Amino acid sequence: MNKAHLLKVLTEIRKFKTQTGIEIVDTHIHSYDVMGIVHYSDIGGNKTHKDYLEPNLLEYFGYGRTAIVGTKIYCKFLPENVEKMIHLSYENVSSQEIENAMRESLIDKGVLLSLDPWTPSDIVGDTFANNGKFYILASIDIHREKKEAIEKKITEYIKNYQIKGLKLHPNLQCFKPQPKDNPPEISEKLKIIYRVASEKGLYILFHGGLSDFTENVNRKYGPPYPRSKTNGILENFCNENGRSELFENYTMPIVIAHMGHYGKLFHNYALLKLLVNTYSNVYFDTAGVSPNFMAKAFSFIPSTRIVFGSDAMYNKTAYDLAFLYESVLKTSNGEKTTDMLINILHDNFYNKLII
């Protein structure tokens, strides 16, 4: 999608907002770099003007096969270029810059994600929790946090930052979503996290899919942290029959980001459908998802199970919103277009995730 096309779509979305009066919520915004390239203490905070509506190559090619293959090649053979792009996205990030990007993309509220240790919950909370434009998701450093401290820490995040949920990344934080698939210590920590989230009324947002990343992590983060490229694939959330220790044993709403298929060339529509039909507490977000994939998935995933996300600042929010909008327009599943958009852009977050 090019900028001219984007502007036309944004005009339509603006009319839709005027007609319905809804506020659009972006449920997936990385306020700091989670890849470990730009350390949060090094951020300059300079107010530099950026064109939030100019596409990068991923957005230009609609997160499709060309974009995915290109990303894999870049990460493998030109990691220094990836690092430069991350620096451009995050070396001067600030509350004002995030708000500017949201405003130009027609977003009213944003959910800012922590991801310990690279985007510490305390840093995100101290910086953004008092801004009425933002909601906060905390995180837990699954390897370094002592299991005896987990419940107390989550309780403090609720008190201090009014967090609405937790963000966990199986690939970057190196664990598998089902406790039984991990070493005993990690398994016990996950059980505590899931239990506390259920008891405290929090939802959990998981990364879903593959990860291609540079290994050159900023030295300020200390010794190398284990990472995985594949722990977050959808197949690791359940067995081949769809049975899941995670989904069956805990009651909190669970959102799988990127519709469970980040960076994947081939999509497991059958498993998506099975999970939706089996577990009423499982939802998916649309961050970085191609419009073709969305349109096919929306044919069998009800709009009541989808929330909008962008992954900003790595991606440009406006393109994720435009891809979602056009995908909904192409969908013929018996739902009204207006109802689908209201569910995905607003109602599901407020009525399903943070009630």
Foldseek 3Di string as FASTA:
>chain_A
DFLVVLVVLLVVVVVLCVVVVDAFEAEAEAQADPQQLAAPVQADQDDDDDDLRGFDPCLVVQLAPVNLVVVQCCLVPPQVVVSVLNCVFHNNGAPVVVVVLCVVLRHQAYEYEAEPPRRAQVVCQVRPLPDPRYAYAHEDLLPPDQLVCVLVVVVVCCVRRVHQAHEYECFASPDAQALVRGPPSSSSSNVSRQASCQVVQHEYEYEAAFDRHHQPHDCVVPDRHDGHGGRRAPCSQADPQLHHPSQPVGDAQYEYECLRHPSHNDDDLVSSLNNQVPGVRYAYENASHGLVVLLVNCLRRPLLRYAYHHHPPSGSRNSSVSSVLVSLVNHDNPDDSSVSCCNHRPDSCVPPGRD
